[in-house]
PDB file of N, CA and C in Angstrom:
ATOM      1  N   MET A   1     -23.133  -1.673  28.631  1.00  0.00           N
ATOM      2  CA  MET A   1     -23.548  -2.452  27.499  1.00  0.00           C
ATOM      3  C   MET A   1     -22.438  -2.461  26.455  1.00  0.00           C
ATOM      4  N   THR A   2     -22.116  -3.616  25.946  1.00  0.00           N
ATOM      5  CA  THR A   2     -21.089  -3.769  24.923  1.00  0.00           C
ATOM      6  C   THR A   2     -21.751  -4.156  23.607  1.00  0.00           C
ATOM      7  N   ILE A   3     -21.337  -3.485  22.562  1.00  0.00           N
ATOM      8  CA  ILE A   3     -21.832  -3.812  21.221  1.00  0.00           C
ATOM      9  C   ILE A   3     -20.752  -4.638  20.552  1.00  0.00           C
ATOM     10  N   ASP A   4     -21.073  -5.859  20.181  1.00  0.00           N
ATOM     11  CA  ASP A   4     -20.063  -6.759  19.644  1.00  0.00           C
ATOM     12  C   ASP A   4     -20.107  -6.911  18.130  1.00  0.00           C
ATOM     13  N   LYS A   5     -20.762  -5.992  17.452  1.00  0.00           N
ATOM     14  CA  LYS A   5     -20.760  -6.019  15.991  1.00  0.00           C
ATOM     15  C   LYS A   5     -20.583  -4.603  15.474  1.00  0.00           C
ATOM     16  N   ALA A   6     -20.101  -4.517  14.257  1.00  0.00           N
ATOM     17  CA  ALA A   6     -19.895  -3.206  13.647  1.00  0.00           C
ATOM     18  C   ALA A   6     -21.231  -2.488  13.480  1.00  0.00           C
ATOM     19  N   LEU A   7     -21.239  -1.203  13.783  1.00  0.00           N
ATOM     20  CA  LEU A   7     -22.451  -0.409  13.615  1.00  0.00           C
ATOM     21  C   LEU A   7     -22.637   0.020  12.162  1.00  0.00           C
ATOM     22  N   TYR A   8     -21.557  -0.023  11.407  1.00  0.00           N
ATOM     23  CA  TYR A   8     -21.613   0.361   9.998  1.00  0.00           C
ATOM     24  C   TYR A   8     -20.669  -0.545   9.218  1.00  0.00           C
ATOM     25  N   THR A   9     -21.180  -1.152   8.205  1.00  0.00           N
ATOM     26  CA  THR A   9     -20.373  -1.955   7.296  1.00  0.00           C
ATOM     27  C   THR A   9     -20.538  -1.361   5.908  1.00  0.00           C
ATOM     28  N   PRO A  10     -19.438  -0.863   5.324  1.00  0.00           N
ATOM     29  CA  PRO A  10     -19.566  -0.226   4.011  1.00  0.00           C
ATOM     30  C   PRO A  10     -19.947  -1.228   2.924  1.00  0.00           C
ATOM     31  N   THR A  11     -20.792  -0.773   2.017  1.00  0.00           N
ATOM     32  CA  THR A  11     -21.177  -1.573   0.864  1.00  0.00           C
ATOM     33  C   THR A  11     -20.129  -1.408  -0.230  1.00  0.00           C
ATOM     34  N   ASP A  12     -20.231  -2.201  -1.285  1.00  0.00           N
ATOM     35  CA  ASP A  12     -19.330  -2.049  -2.429  1.00  0.00           C
ATOM     36  C   ASP A  12     -19.460  -0.652  -3.033  1.00  0.00           C
ATOM     37  N   VAL A  13     -20.671  -0.129  -3.051  1.00  0.00           N
ATOM     38  CA  VAL A  13     -20.900   1.225  -3.578  1.00  0.00           C
ATOM     39  C   VAL A  13     -20.167   2.251  -2.713  1.00  0.00           C
ATOM     40  N   ASP A  14     -20.231   2.105  -1.392  1.00  0.00           N
ATOM     41  CA  ASP A  14     -19.534   3.016  -0.482  1.00  0.00           C
ATOM     42  C   ASP A  14     -18.031   2.977  -0.720  1.00  0.00           C
ATOM     43  N   ILE A  15     -17.500   1.783  -0.874  1.00  0.00           N
ATOM     44  CA  ILE A  15     -16.053   1.617  -1.063  1.00  0.00           C
ATOM     45  C   ILE A  15     -15.613   2.202  -2.400  1.00  0.00           C
ATOM     46  N   LYS A  16     -16.381   1.976  -3.454  1.00  0.00           N
ATOM     47  CA  LYS A  16     -16.048   2.563  -4.765  1.00  0.00           C
ATOM     48  C   LYS A  16     -16.115   4.086  -4.710  1.00  0.00           C
ATOM     49  N   TRP A  17     -17.106   4.614  -3.983  1.00  0.00           N
ATOM     50  CA  TRP A  17     -17.231   6.062  -3.823  1.00  0.00           C
ATOM     51  C   TRP A  17     -15.999   6.618  -3.111  1.00  0.00           C
ATOM     52  N   ALA A  18     -15.572   5.966  -2.024  1.00  0.00           N
ATOM     53  CA  ALA A  18     -14.402   6.426  -1.272  1.00  0.00           C
ATOM     54  C   ALA A  18     -13.155   6.427  -2.153  1.00  0.00           C
ATOM     55  N   GLN A  19     -12.983   5.364  -2.934  1.00  0.00           N
ATOM     56  CA  GLN A  19     -11.823   5.289  -3.825  1.00  0.00           C
ATOM     57  C   GLN A  19     -11.864   6.398  -4.865  1.00  0.00           C
ATOM     58  N   LYS A  20     -13.043   6.659  -5.411  1.00  0.00           N
ATOM     59  CA  LYS A  20     -13.196   7.734  -6.401  1.00  0.00           C
ATOM     60  C   LYS A  20     -12.862   9.089  -5.772  1.00  0.00           C
ATOM     61  N   MET A  21     -13.315   9.308  -4.547  1.00  0.00           N
ATOM     62  CA  MET A  21     -13.042  10.582  -3.869  1.00  0.00           C
ATOM     63  C   MET A  21     -11.542  10.771  -3.656  1.00  0.00           C
ATOM     64  N   VAL A  22     -10.863   9.733  -3.206  1.00  0.00           N
ATOM     65  CA  VAL A  22      -9.420   9.818  -2.971  1.00  0.00           C
ATOM     66  C   VAL A  22      -8.685  10.021  -4.293  1.00  0.00           C
ATOM     67  N   ASP A  23      -9.068   9.265  -5.302  1.00  0.00           N
ATOM     68  CA  ASP A  23      -8.397   9.365  -6.607  1.00  0.00           C
ATOM     69  C   ASP A  23      -8.566  10.738  -7.246  1.00  0.00           C
ATOM     70  N   SER A  24      -9.667  11.412  -6.959  1.00  0.00           N
ATOM     71  CA  SER A  24      -9.919  12.713  -7.585  1.00  0.00           C
ATOM     72  C   SER A  24      -9.458  13.900  -6.736  1.00  0.00           C
ATOM     73  N   THR A  25      -8.859  13.625  -5.581  1.00  0.00           N
ATOM     74  CA  THR A  25      -8.375  14.694  -4.707  1.00  0.00           C
ATOM     75  C   THR A  25      -6.855  14.727  -4.735  1.00  0.00           C
ATOM     76  N   PRO A  26      -6.267  15.868  -5.088  1.00  0.00           N
ATOM     77  CA  PRO A  26      -4.800  15.939  -5.133  1.00  0.00           C
ATOM     78  C   PRO A  26      -4.190  15.858  -3.734  1.00  0.00           C
ATOM     79  N   ASP A  27      -2.929  15.465  -3.681  1.00  0.00           N
ATOM     80  CA  ASP A  27      -2.213  15.423  -2.412  1.00  0.00           C
ATOM     81  C   ASP A  27      -2.243  16.811  -1.767  1.00  0.00           C
ATOM     82  N   GLY A  28      -2.623  16.868  -0.518  1.00  0.00           N
ATOM     83  CA  GLY A  28      -2.735  18.149   0.181  1.00  0.00           C
ATOM     84  C   GLY A  28      -4.088  18.815  -0.013  1.00  0.00           C
ATOM     85  N   GLY A  29      -4.916  18.240  -0.887  1.00  0.00           N
ATOM     86  CA  GLY A  29      -6.251  18.786  -1.129  1.00  0.00           C
ATOM     87  C   GLY A  29      -7.209  18.416  -0.008  1.00  0.00           C
ATOM     88  N   THR A  30      -8.425  18.901  -0.115  1.00  0.00           N
ATOM     89  CA  THR A  30      -9.401  18.646   0.932  1.00  0.00           C
ATOM     90  C   THR A  30     -10.632  17.931   0.392  1.00  0.00           C
ATOM     91  N   LEU A  31     -11.173  17.076   1.240  1.00  0.00           N
ATOM     92  CA  LEU A  31     -12.486  16.465   1.018  1.00  0.00           C
ATOM     93  C   LEU A  31     -13.434  17.160   1.976  1.00  0.00           C
ATOM     94  N   ARG A  32     -14.565  17.594   1.467  1.00  0.00           N
ATOM     95  CA  ARG A  32     -15.557  18.283   2.301  1.00  0.00           C
ATOM     96  C   ARG A  32     -16.868  17.524   2.260  1.00  0.00           C
ATOM     97  N   PHE A  33     -17.377  17.232   3.442  1.00  0.00           N
ATOM     98  CA  PHE A  33     -18.691  16.620   3.564  1.00  0.00           C
ATOM     99  C   PHE A  33     -19.626  17.719   4.042  1.00  0.00           C
ATOM    100  N   ARG A  34     -20.266  18.371   3.086  1.00  0.00           N
ATOM    101  CA  ARG A  34     -21.069  19.559   3.386  1.00  0.00           C
ATOM    102  C   ARG A  34     -22.227  19.271   4.335  1.00  0.00           C
ATOM    103  N   SER A  35     -22.868  18.123   4.207  1.00  0.00           N
ATOM    104  CA  SER A  35     -24.033  17.836   5.057  1.00  0.00           C
ATOM    105  C   SER A  35     -23.650  17.776   6.537  1.00  0.00           C
ATOM    106  N   ALA A  36     -22.463  17.283   6.837  1.00  0.00           N
ATOM    107  CA  ALA A  36     -22.001  17.204   8.233  1.00  0.00           C
ATOM    108  C   ALA A  36     -20.998  18.302   8.557  1.00  0.00           C
ATOM    109  N   GLN A  37     -20.681  19.131   7.566  1.00  0.00           N
ATOM    110  CA  GLN A  37     -19.736  20.233   7.700  1.00  0.00           C
ATOM    111  C   GLN A  37     -18.379  19.763   8.227  1.00  0.00           C
ATOM    112  N   LEU A  38     -17.866  18.686   7.622  1.00  0.00           N
ATOM    113  CA  LEU A  38     -16.556  18.154   7.983  1.00  0.00           C
ATOM    114  C   LEU A  38     -15.581  18.383   6.834  1.00  0.00           C
ATOM    115  N   VAL A  39     -14.335  18.678   7.186  1.00  0.00           N
ATOM    116  CA  VAL A  39     -13.282  18.945   6.205  1.00  0.00           C
ATOM    117  C   VAL A  39     -12.079  18.066   6.537  1.00  0.00           C
ATOM    118  N   TYR A  40     -11.613  17.319   5.541  1.00  0.00           N
ATOM    119  CA  TYR A  40     -10.455  16.437   5.714  1.00  0.00           C
ATOM    120  C   TYR A  40      -9.358  16.845   4.736  1.00  0.00           C
ATOM    121  N   ARG A  41      -8.113  16.867   5.201  1.00  0.00           N
ATOM    122  CA  ARG A  41      -6.957  17.087   4.328  1.00  0.00           C
ATOM    123  C   ARG A  41      -6.422  15.720   3.928  1.00  0.00           C
ATOM    124  N   VAL A  42      -6.111  15.549   2.643  1.00  0.00           N
ATOM    125  CA  VAL A  42      -5.657  14.272   2.105  1.00  0.00           C
ATOM    126  C   VAL A  42      -4.136  14.257   1.982  1.00  0.00           C
ATOM    127  N   ASP A  43      -3.522  13.206   2.500  1.00  0.00           N
ATOM    128  CA  ASP A  43      -2.078  12.990   2.384  1.00  0.00           C
ATOM    129  C   ASP A  43      -1.902  11.614   1.738  1.00  0.00           C
ATOM    130  N   HIS A  44      -1.641  11.615   0.432  1.00  0.00           N
ATOM    131  CA  HIS A  44      -1.540  10.344  -0.286  1.00  0.00           C
ATOM    132  C   HIS A  44      -0.289   9.557   0.112  1.00  0.00           C
ATOM    133  N   ALA A  45       0.812  10.240   0.396  1.00  0.00           N
ATOM    134  CA  ALA A  45       2.048   9.543   0.763  1.00  0.00           C
ATOM    135  C   ALA A  45       1.859   8.744   2.058  1.00  0.00           C
ATOM    136  N   ARG A  46       1.141   9.324   3.010  1.00  0.00           N
ATOM    137  CA  ARG A  46       0.881   8.647   4.291  1.00  0.00           C
ATOM    138  C   ARG A  46      -0.427   7.860   4.264  1.00  0.00           C
ATOM    139  N   ARG A  47      -1.179   7.979   3.147  1.00  0.00           N
ATOM    140  CA  ARG A  47      -2.492   7.336   3.012  1.00  0.00           C
ATOM    141  C   ARG A  47      -3.371   7.692   4.216  1.00  0.00           C
ATOM    142  N   THR A  48      -3.488   9.002   4.415  1.00  0.00           N
ATOM    143  CA  THR A  48      -4.186   9.529   5.585  1.00  0.00           C
ATOM    144  C   THR A  48      -5.132  10.658   5.205  1.00  0.00           C
ATOM    145  N   LEU A  49      -6.297  10.678   5.859  1.00  0.00           N
ATOM    146  CA  LEU A  49      -7.198  11.824   5.842  1.00  0.00           C
ATOM    147  C   LEU A  49      -7.146  12.409   7.240  1.00  0.00           C
ATOM    148  N   THR A  50      -6.954  13.718   7.341  1.00  0.00           N
ATOM    149  CA  THR A  50      -6.908  14.356   8.651  1.00  0.00           C
ATOM    150  C   THR A  50      -8.059  15.335   8.772  1.00  0.00           C
ATOM    151  N   LEU A  51      -8.917  15.090   9.750  1.00  0.00           N
ATOM    152  CA  LEU A  51     -10.057  15.959  10.007  1.00  0.00           C
ATOM    153  C   LEU A  51      -9.549  17.314  10.492  1.00  0.00           C
ATOM    154  N   GLN A  52      -9.945  18.372   9.806  1.00  0.00           N
ATOM    155  CA  GLN A  52      -9.458  19.714  10.117  1.00  0.00           C
ATOM    156  C   GLN A  52     -10.307  20.448  11.145  1.00  0.00           C
ATOM    157  N   ASN A  53     -11.514  19.990  11.397  1.00  0.00           N
ATOM    158  CA  ASN A  53     -12.385  20.681  12.350  1.00  0.00           C
ATOM    159  C   ASN A  53     -13.005  19.676  13.340  1.00  0.00           C
ATOM    160  N   PRO A  54     -12.149  19.048  14.178  1.00  0.00           N
ATOM    161  CA  PRO A  54     -12.630  18.001  15.077  1.00  0.00           C
ATOM    162  C   PRO A  54     -13.599  18.490  16.155  1.00  0.00           C
ATOM    163  N   ASP A  55     -13.653  19.779  16.385  1.00  0.00           N
ATOM    164  CA  ASP A  55     -14.586  20.323  17.377  1.00  0.00           C
ATOM    165  C   ASP A  55     -16.037  19.986  17.023  1.00  0.00           C
ATOM    166  N   ARG A  56     -16.326  19.790  15.752  1.00  0.00           N
ATOM    167  CA  ARG A  56     -17.700  19.458  15.334  1.00  0.00           C
ATOM    168  C   ARG A  56     -18.162  18.118  15.893  1.00  0.00           C
ATOM    169  N   LEU A  57     -17.223  17.201  16.148  1.00  0.00           N
ATOM    170  CA  LEU A  57     -17.595  15.859  16.592  1.00  0.00           C
ATOM    171  C   LEU A  57     -18.296  15.857  17.940  1.00  0.00           C
ATOM    172  N   SER A  58     -17.902  16.747  18.796  1.00  0.00           N
ATOM    173  CA  SER A  58     -18.525  16.795  20.127  1.00  0.00           C
ATOM    174  C   SER A  58     -19.729  17.732  20.161  1.00  0.00           C
ATOM    175  N   GLN A  59     -19.903  18.527  19.130  1.00  0.00           N
ATOM    176  CA  GLN A  59     -20.989  19.507  19.120  1.00  0.00           C
ATOM    177  C   GLN A  59     -22.204  19.064  18.306  1.00  0.00           C
ATOM    178  N   TYR A  60     -21.991  18.198  17.315  1.00  0.00           N
ATOM    179  CA  TYR A  60     -23.079  17.840  16.405  1.00  0.00           C
ATOM    180  C   TYR A  60     -23.081  16.336  16.156  1.00  0.00           C
ATOM    181  N   PHE A  61     -24.174  15.689  16.507  1.00  0.00           N
ATOM    182  CA  PHE A  61     -24.263  14.234  16.379  1.00  0.00           C
ATOM    183  C   PHE A  61     -24.098  13.770  14.935  1.00  0.00           C
ATOM    184  N   ASP A  62     -24.675  14.486  13.971  1.00  0.00           N
ATOM    185  CA  ASP A  62     -24.550  14.066  12.572  1.00  0.00           C
ATOM    186  C   ASP A  62     -23.095  14.083  12.113  1.00  0.00           C
ATOM    187  N   SER A  63     -22.314  15.044  12.615  1.00  0.00           N
ATOM    188  CA  SER A  63     -20.892  15.097  12.288  1.00  0.00           C
ATOM    189  C   SER A  63     -20.156  13.908  12.904  1.00  0.00           C
ATOM    190  N   PHE A  64     -20.506  13.565  14.128  1.00  0.00           N
ATOM    191  CA  PHE A  64     -19.908  12.421  14.824  1.00  0.00           C
ATOM    192  C   PHE A  64     -20.166  11.125  14.049  1.00  0.00           C
ATOM    193  N   VAL A  65     -21.406  10.919  13.641  1.00  0.00           N
ATOM    194  CA  VAL A  65     -21.776   9.704  12.905  1.00  0.00           C
ATOM    195  C   VAL A  65     -21.059   9.659  11.555  1.00  0.00           C
ATOM    196  N   THR A  66     -21.098  10.747  10.817  1.00  0.00           N
ATOM    197  CA  THR A  66     -20.451  10.793   9.506  1.00  0.00           C
ATOM    198  C   THR A  66     -18.956  10.532   9.631  1.00  0.00           C
ATOM    199  N   HIS A  67     -18.323  11.125  10.632  1.00  0.00           N
ATOM    200  CA  HIS A  67     -16.882  10.921  10.837  1.00  0.00           C
ATOM    201  C   HIS A  67     -16.578   9.447  11.102  1.00  0.00           C
ATOM    202  N   ASN A  68     -17.344   8.820  11.948  1.00  0.00           N
ATOM    203  CA  ASN A  68     -17.090   7.416  12.279  1.00  0.00           C
ATOM    204  C   ASN A  68     -17.327   6.507  11.076  1.00  0.00           C
ATOM    205  N   GLN A  69     -18.293   6.837  10.244  1.00  0.00           N
ATOM    206  CA  GLN A  69     -18.490   6.084   9.001  1.00  0.00           C
ATOM    207  C   GLN A  69     -17.321   6.322   8.045  1.00  0.00           C
ATOM    208  N   THR A  70     -16.808   7.540   8.028  1.00  0.00           N
ATOM    209  CA  THR A  70     -15.658   7.878   7.186  1.00  0.00           C
ATOM    210  C   THR A  70     -14.444   7.048   7.590  1.00  0.00           C
ATOM    211  N   VAL A  71     -14.217   6.909   8.888  1.00  0.00           N
ATOM    212  CA  VAL A  71     -13.104   6.094   9.387  1.00  0.00           C
ATOM    213  C   VAL A  71     -13.204   4.671   8.837  1.00  0.00           C
ATOM    214  N   VAL A  72     -14.381   4.093   8.888  1.00  0.00           N
ATOM    215  CA  VAL A  72     -14.586   2.705   8.466  1.00  0.00           C
ATOM    216  C   VAL A  72     -14.440   2.543   6.957  1.00  0.00           C
ATOM    217  N   VAL A  73     -15.099   3.391   6.178  1.00  0.00           N
ATOM    218  CA  VAL A  73     -15.083   3.206   4.727  1.00  0.00           C
ATOM    219  C   VAL A  73     -13.706   3.501   4.133  1.00  0.00           C
ATOM    220  N   PHE A  74     -12.982   4.483   4.661  1.00  0.00           N
ATOM    221  CA  PHE A  74     -11.662   4.777   4.104  1.00  0.00           C
ATOM    222  C   PHE A  74     -10.628   3.747   4.565  1.00  0.00           C
ATOM    223  N   LYS A  75     -10.850   3.129   5.700  1.00  0.00           N
ATOM    224  CA  LYS A  75      -9.987   2.016   6.123  1.00  0.00           C
ATOM    225  C   LYS A  75     -10.091   0.876   5.116  1.00  0.00           C
ATOM    226  N   ALA A  76     -11.272   0.683   4.555  1.00  0.00           N
ATOM    227  CA  ALA A  76     -11.494  -0.383   3.578  1.00  0.00           C
ATOM    228  C   ALA A  76     -10.659  -0.196   2.314  1.00  0.00           C
ATOM    229  N   ILE A  77     -10.223   1.040   2.026  1.00  0.00           N
ATOM    230  CA  ILE A  77      -9.373   1.276   0.851  1.00  0.00           C
ATOM    231  C   ILE A  77      -7.926   1.591   1.257  1.00  0.00           C
ATOM    232  N   GLY A  78      -7.606   1.337   2.526  1.00  0.00           N
ATOM    233  CA  GLY A  78      -6.215   1.464   2.976  1.00  0.00           C
ATOM    234  C   GLY A  78      -5.813   2.836   3.475  1.00  0.00           C
ATOM    235  N   TYR A  79      -6.789   3.701   3.769  1.00  0.00           N
ATOM    236  CA  TYR A  79      -6.493   5.029   4.299  1.00  0.00           C
ATOM    237  C   TYR A  79      -6.861   5.094   5.774  1.00  0.00           C
ATOM    238  N   THR A  80      -6.053   5.806   6.536  1.00  0.00           N
ATOM    239  CA  THR A  80      -6.317   6.049   7.951  1.00  0.00           C
ATOM    240  C   THR A  80      -6.942   7.427   8.087  1.00  0.00           C
ATOM    241  N   VAL A  81      -7.883   7.563   8.997  1.00  0.00           N
ATOM    242  CA  VAL A  81      -8.508   8.863   9.268  1.00  0.00           C
ATOM    243  C   VAL A  81      -8.083   9.307  10.661  1.00  0.00           C
ATOM    244  N   GLU A  82      -7.538  10.522  10.726  1.00  0.00           N
ATOM    245  CA  GLU A  82      -7.060  11.086  11.991  1.00  0.00           C
ATOM    246  C   GLU A  82      -7.797  12.381  12.282  1.00  0.00           C
ATOM    247  N   GLU A  83      -7.705  12.812  13.528  1.00  0.00           N
ATOM    248  CA  GLU A  83      -8.236  14.122  13.910  1.00  0.00           C
ATOM    249  C   GLU A  83      -7.068  15.080  14.064  1.00  0.00           C
ATOM    250  N   SER A  84      -7.203  16.274  13.509  1.00  0.00           N
ATOM    251  CA  SER A  84      -6.179  17.296  13.636  1.00  0.00           C
ATOM    252  C   SER A  84      -6.025  17.689  15.093  1.00  0.00           C
ATOM    253  N   GLN A  85      -4.800  17.935  15.488  1.00  0.00           N
ATOM    254  CA  GLN A  85      -4.532  18.423  16.836  1.00  0.00           C
ATOM    255  C   GLN A  85      -4.007  19.839  16.686  1.00  0.00           C
ATOM    256  N   ARG A  86      -4.916  20.745  16.454  1.00  0.00           N
ATOM    257  CA  ARG A  86      -4.539  22.118  16.115  1.00  0.00           C
ATOM    258  C   ARG A  86      -3.772  22.823  17.229  1.00  0.00           C
ATOM    259  N   ASP A  87      -4.157  22.607  18.453  1.00  0.00           N
ATOM    260  CA  ASP A  87      -3.477  23.260  19.564  1.00  0.00           C
ATOM    261  C   ASP A  87      -3.379  22.266  20.699  1.00  0.00           C
ATOM    262  N   ARG A  88      -2.144  21.918  21.068  1.00  0.00           N
ATOM    263  CA  ARG A  88      -1.944  20.926  22.115  1.00  0.00           C
ATOM    264  C   ARG A  88      -2.063  21.539  23.498  1.00  0.00           C
ATOM    265  N   GLY A  89      -2.252  22.835  23.572  1.00  0.00           N
ATOM    266  CA  GLY A  89      -2.355  23.477  24.872  1.00  0.00           C
ATOM    267  C   GLY A  89      -1.032  24.017  25.391  1.00  0.00           C
ATOM    268  N   ASP A  90       0.084  23.720  24.694  1.00  0.00           N
ATOM    269  CA  ASP A  90       1.376  24.207  25.131  1.00  0.00           C
ATOM    270  C   ASP A  90       1.858  25.366  24.262  1.00  0.00           C
ATOM    271  N   GLY A  91       0.934  25.904  23.466  1.00  0.00           N
ATOM    272  CA  GLY A  91       1.268  27.034  22.626  1.00  0.00           C
ATOM    273  C   GLY A  91       1.721  26.655  21.231  1.00  0.00           C
ATOM    274  N   ASP A  92       2.084  25.382  21.032  1.00  0.00           N
ATOM    275  CA  ASP A  92       2.518  24.933  19.715  1.00  0.00           C
ATOM    276  C   ASP A  92       1.330  24.493  18.899  1.00  0.00           C
ATOM    277  N   MET A  93       1.296  24.958  17.680  1.00  0.00           N
ATOM    278  CA  MET A  93       0.250  24.518  16.761  1.00  0.00           C
ATOM    279  C   MET A  93       0.783  23.260  16.072  1.00  0.00           C
ATOM    280  N   VAL A  94      -0.034  22.263  15.940  1.00  0.00           N
ATOM    281  CA  VAL A  94       0.361  21.019  15.333  1.00  0.00           C
ATOM    282  C   VAL A  94      -0.398  20.867  14.025  1.00  0.00           C
ATOM    283  N   ALA A  95       0.336  20.694  12.952  1.00  0.00           N
ATOM    284  CA  ALA A  95      -0.301  20.512  11.657  1.00  0.00           C
ATOM    285  C   ALA A  95      -0.993  19.162  11.620  1.00  0.00           C
ATOM    286  N   GLY A  96      -2.146  19.146  10.948  1.00  0.00           N
ATOM    287  CA  GLY A  96      -2.899  17.906  10.859  1.00  0.00           C
ATOM    288  C   GLY A  96      -2.382  16.987   9.800  1.00  0.00           C
TER     289      GLY A  96
END
């Protein structure tokens, strides 16, 4: 089955909230979504949020949904959302 429409479309309120969150978070600071227990590191120079605990996405459905909504709403303000790659399996730790 293919879904041909967006499952989430941010409202103006959502977009203003996202902009406020980014504007109030210093470069290198973190955004925490306590209800879904997700933590993102903010990089203003790269206009990127990096999820610091991606293991939650496969373990908890609410975290998965919140993360995917985060990707959409922050894209609307020009930010990319990435998942941290803490350990690539070759012994090297990769910063998010």
